[in-house]
Amino acid sequence: MRTRDVMTTDVLTVTPDTPAREAARLLAERGFTALPVVDAAGELVGVVGESELLRDRLPQDPRWLVHGEPPQPRREPADSVSAVMAKPWTVTPNTDLAEVADLMLRHGVRSVPVVREGRLAGVVTRRDLLRSISRADWIIEAEIRHRLGMIGGSQRWAVAVDNGRVSIVDRMDDATDRHVAEVLALAVAGVTGVHITAPQRI
């Protein structure tokens, strides 16, 4: 599967000039962990997340001062997104979802902007990936049967799905078509593996 199969295209964004407090409000209200930052031309220039917006934003509890505790030194909190945004990890609509998952886990990010020629095309999140691997077997099977119907008709293929693992029997025993069938099945959301065989000869 590719990023384009699961990504969200209706994306909430901010600009570098957006006040940092406004970006924090959007994250809190929408339940997001990060927001893409785009310029006036729609090009992705950064990403701003929870950690960037929390940095230096919360003052020390003044009750500590009553007990003579010195305040912890901190910088003035940033006024705008441009001062705190980070360089994002990005993928393209054609990136394999396995690569997206590896990137998220390796760098500890929960969402990744999707770019096409520098412009923001969407966002893919861990929730999107989880949704793709948690589809019911019967839904996966129905979609695979529909796709394989384009190759020799629906009666040609025997399809079974167990916990995302797909077994296909090619009743016509054609190696080229079996390869095409494997590609089609692997592109279905929720599929974790495909095994295709020829019918057993008696």
Protein backbone atom coordinates (compact mmCIF):
# COMPACT_ATOMS: atom_id res chain seq x y z
CA MET A 1 0.00 0.00 0.00
CA ARG A 2 1.01 3.58 -0.59
CA THR A 3 0.63 6.72 1.48
CA ARG A 4 -2.02 8.03 -0.91
CA ASP A 5 -4.29 5.10 0.03
CA VAL A 6 -4.68 6.22 3.66
CA MET A 7 -3.58 9.85 3.96
CA THR A 8 -5.88 12.71 4.94
CA THR A 9 -6.04 15.45 2.31
CA ASP A 10 -8.22 17.96 4.19
CA VAL A 11 -5.45 19.19 6.47
CA LEU A 12 -5.53 21.90 9.12
CA THR A 13 -2.44 24.08 8.71
CA VAL A 14 -0.86 27.18 10.21
CA THR A 15 1.52 29.76 8.78
CA PRO A 16 4.84 30.96 10.18
CA ASP A 17 3.08 34.15 11.36
CA THR A 18 0.39 32.28 13.33
CA PRO A 19 0.66 33.14 17.05
CA ALA A 20 2.12 30.26 19.04
CA ARG A 21 -0.79 30.40 21.48
CA GLU A 22 -3.25 30.04 18.61
CA ALA A 23 -1.40 26.97 17.35
CA ALA A 24 -1.49 25.52 20.87
CA ARG A 25 -5.23 26.15 21.04
CA LEU A 26 -5.78 24.35 17.74
CA LEU A 27 -3.81 21.33 18.92
CA ALA A 28 -5.72 21.18 22.20
CA GLU A 29 -9.16 21.60 20.62
CA ARG A 30 -8.67 19.28 17.65
CA GLY A 31 -6.72 16.56 19.45
CA PHE A 32 -3.79 16.73 17.02
CA THR A 33 -0.16 16.30 18.05
CA ALA A 34 1.36 18.49 15.32
CA LEU A 35 0.39 20.94 12.58
CA PRO A 36 2.04 21.48 9.19
CA VAL A 37 3.34 25.00 8.62
CA VAL A 38 2.85 26.32 5.09
CA ASP A 39 3.76 29.60 3.39
CA ALA A 40 1.51 31.76 1.22
CA ALA A 41 2.21 29.55 -1.81
CA GLY A 42 1.14 26.39 0.02
CA GLU A 43 4.66 25.03 0.32
CA LEU A 44 5.55 23.12 3.46
CA VAL A 45 8.12 25.06 5.49
CA GLY A 46 7.96 23.27 8.84
CA VAL A 47 5.90 21.51 11.46
CA VAL A 48 4.91 22.65 14.93
CA GLY A 49 4.02 20.13 17.61
CA GLU A 50 3.19 19.81 21.26
CA SER A 51 6.78 19.76 22.48
CA GLU A 52 7.76 22.90 20.53
CA LEU A 53 4.75 24.83 21.83
CA LEU A 54 5.18 23.74 25.45
CA ARG A 55 8.84 24.73 25.63
CA ASP A 56 9.31 27.70 28.02
CA ARG A 57 5.57 28.31 28.01
CA LEU A 58 4.69 27.26 31.60
CA PRO A 59 6.14 29.40 34.41
CA GLN A 60 7.28 27.87 37.67
CA ASP A 61 4.55 27.62 40.32
CA PRO A 62 4.92 30.84 42.42
CA ARG A 63 4.28 28.91 45.64
CA TRP A 64 7.86 27.66 45.46
CA LEU A 65 9.05 31.25 45.79
CA VAL A 66 7.36 31.53 49.21
CA HIS A 67 9.74 28.85 50.49
CA GLY A 68 12.78 30.67 49.14
CA GLU A 69 13.25 28.36 46.17
CA PRO A 70 14.96 30.23 43.31
CA PRO A 71 12.96 30.20 40.05
CA GLN A 72 14.23 27.95 37.31
CA PRO A 73 15.80 30.00 34.51
CA ARG A 74 13.84 29.97 31.28
CA ARG A 75 13.68 31.90 28.06
CA GLU A 76 10.84 34.11 26.99
CA PRO A 77 8.20 32.02 25.24
CA ALA A 78 8.03 32.46 21.48
CA ASP A 79 5.29 34.66 20.07
CA SER A 80 4.90 33.05 16.66
CA VAL A 81 5.07 29.62 15.07
CA SER A 82 8.11 30.65 13.02
CA ALA A 83 10.22 30.82 16.19
CA VAL A 84 9.45 27.28 17.33
CA MET A 85 8.62 25.23 14.23
CA ALA A 86 10.84 22.29 13.37
CA LYS A 87 12.06 20.80 10.12
CA PRO A 88 9.63 17.97 9.29
CA TRP A 89 10.19 14.44 8.15
CA THR A 90 8.16 14.06 4.96
CA VAL A 91 6.92 11.39 2.58
CA THR A 92 5.29 11.48 -0.84
CA PRO A 93 1.90 10.09 -1.90
CA ASN A 94 3.77 7.17 -3.48
CA THR A 95 5.80 6.21 -0.40
CA ASP A 96 5.26 2.62 0.74
CA LEU A 97 3.34 2.48 4.03
CA ALA A 98 5.97 0.14 5.48
CA GLU A 99 8.53 2.93 5.03
CA VAL A 100 6.15 5.43 6.64
CA ALA A 101 5.70 3.19 9.68
CA ASP A 102 9.48 2.71 9.99
CA LEU A 103 10.03 6.48 9.79
CA MET A 104 7.44 7.18 12.49
CA LEU A 105 8.85 4.58 14.87
CA ARG A 106 12.49 5.47 14.22
CA HIS A 107 11.99 9.19 14.86
CA GLY A 108 9.19 9.01 17.42
CA VAL A 109 6.70 11.06 15.40
CA ARG A 110 2.95 10.45 15.32
CA SER A 111 2.18 12.16 12.02
CA VAL A 112 4.08 12.89 8.83
CA PRO A 113 3.29 15.53 6.18
CA VAL A 114 2.82 14.25 2.64
CA VAL A 115 4.34 16.49 -0.02
CA ARG A 116 4.07 16.59 -3.79
CA GLU A 117 6.69 18.79 -5.49
CA GLY A 118 7.24 20.74 -2.28
CA ARG A 119 3.57 21.49 -1.67
CA LEU A 120 1.55 19.94 1.11
CA ALA A 121 -0.68 17.18 -0.27
CA GLY A 122 -1.88 15.65 2.98
CA VAL A 123 -0.94 14.11 6.31
CA VAL A 124 -0.59 10.49 7.38
CA THR A 125 -0.85 9.57 11.06
CA ARG A 126 -0.26 6.50 13.18
CA ARG A 127 -4.03 6.27 13.52
CA ASP A 128 -4.32 6.05 9.72
CA LEU A 129 -1.85 3.17 9.70
CA LEU A 130 -3.65 1.39 12.54
CA ARG A 131 -6.97 1.82 10.75
CA SER A 132 -5.51 0.22 7.62
CA ILE A 133 -4.29 -2.91 9.45
CA SER A 134 -7.41 -3.43 11.56
CA ARG A 135 -9.98 -3.97 8.80
CA ALA A 136 -12.20 -7.05 9.09
CA ASP A 137 -11.15 -10.10 7.07
CA TRP A 138 -14.49 -10.30 5.25
CA ILE A 139 -14.12 -6.71 4.04
CA ILE A 140 -10.59 -7.42 2.81
CA GLU A 141 -11.78 -10.59 1.06
CA ALA A 142 -14.64 -8.79 -0.68
CA GLU A 143 -12.32 -6.07 -1.97
CA ILE A 144 -9.79 -8.60 -3.25
CA ARG A 145 -12.50 -10.61 -5.01
CA HIS A 146 -13.72 -7.43 -6.67
CA ARG A 147 -10.23 -6.55 -7.88
CA LEU A 148 -9.49 -10.06 -9.11
CA GLY A 149 -12.74 -10.06 -11.04
CA MET A 150 -10.93 -7.90 -13.59
CA ILE A 151 -8.57 -10.81 -14.33
CA GLY A 152 -10.47 -13.75 -15.76
CA GLY A 153 -13.73 -13.24 -13.89
CA SER A 154 -14.79 -13.86 -10.31
CA GLN A 155 -15.07 -17.65 -10.70
CA ARG A 156 -11.40 -18.04 -11.56
CA TRP A 157 -10.00 -17.22 -8.14
CA ALA A 158 -10.56 -18.85 -4.75
CA VAL A 159 -9.85 -16.32 -2.00
CA ALA A 160 -9.59 -16.75 1.76
CA VAL A 161 -8.41 -14.25 4.37
CA ASP A 162 -7.31 -15.12 7.89
CA ASN A 163 -6.11 -12.33 10.19
CA GLY A 164 -5.01 -10.25 7.20
CA ARG A 165 -3.15 -13.13 5.55
CA VAL A 166 -4.53 -13.83 2.08
CA SER A 167 -4.60 -17.21 0.33
CA ILE A 168 -5.49 -17.26 -3.37
CA VAL A 169 -5.87 -20.25 -5.67
CA ASP A 170 -5.57 -19.58 -9.40
CA ARG A 171 -7.82 -22.15 -11.09
CA MET A 172 -6.28 -21.37 -14.50
CA ASP A 173 -2.69 -21.75 -13.27
CA ASP A 174 -1.16 -18.78 -15.12
CA ALA A 175 2.10 -17.50 -13.62
CA THR A 176 1.82 -14.02 -15.16
CA ASP A 177 -1.72 -13.50 -13.91
CA ARG A 178 -0.76 -14.80 -10.47
CA HIS A 179 1.87 -12.06 -10.23
CA VAL A 180 -0.72 -9.42 -11.17
CA ALA A 181 -3.14 -10.89 -8.62
CA GLU A 182 -0.50 -10.70 -5.89
CA VAL A 183 0.17 -7.03 -6.65
CA LEU A 184 -3.55 -6.23 -6.59
CA ALA A 185 -4.08 -8.07 -3.30
CA LEU A 186 -1.09 -6.48 -1.59
CA ALA A 187 -2.51 -3.04 -2.41
CA VAL A 188 -5.64 -3.71 -0.34
CA ALA A 189 -5.71 -2.07 3.09
CA GLY A 190 -5.37 -4.59 5.91
CA VAL A 191 -3.47 -7.24 3.96
CA THR A 192 -0.36 -8.44 5.78
CA GLY A 193 0.73 -11.09 3.30
CA VAL A 194 -0.36 -12.93 0.15
CA HIS A 195 0.16 -16.58 -0.81
CA ILE A 196 -0.98 -17.65 -4.30
CA THR A 197 -0.99 -21.23 -5.53
CA ALA A 198 -2.13 -23.23 -8.54
CA PRO A 199 -4.95 -25.76 -8.03
CA GLN A 200 -3.88 -29.16 -6.79
CA ARG A 201 -3.80 -31.84 -9.49
CA ILE A 202 -5.38 -35.19 -8.72
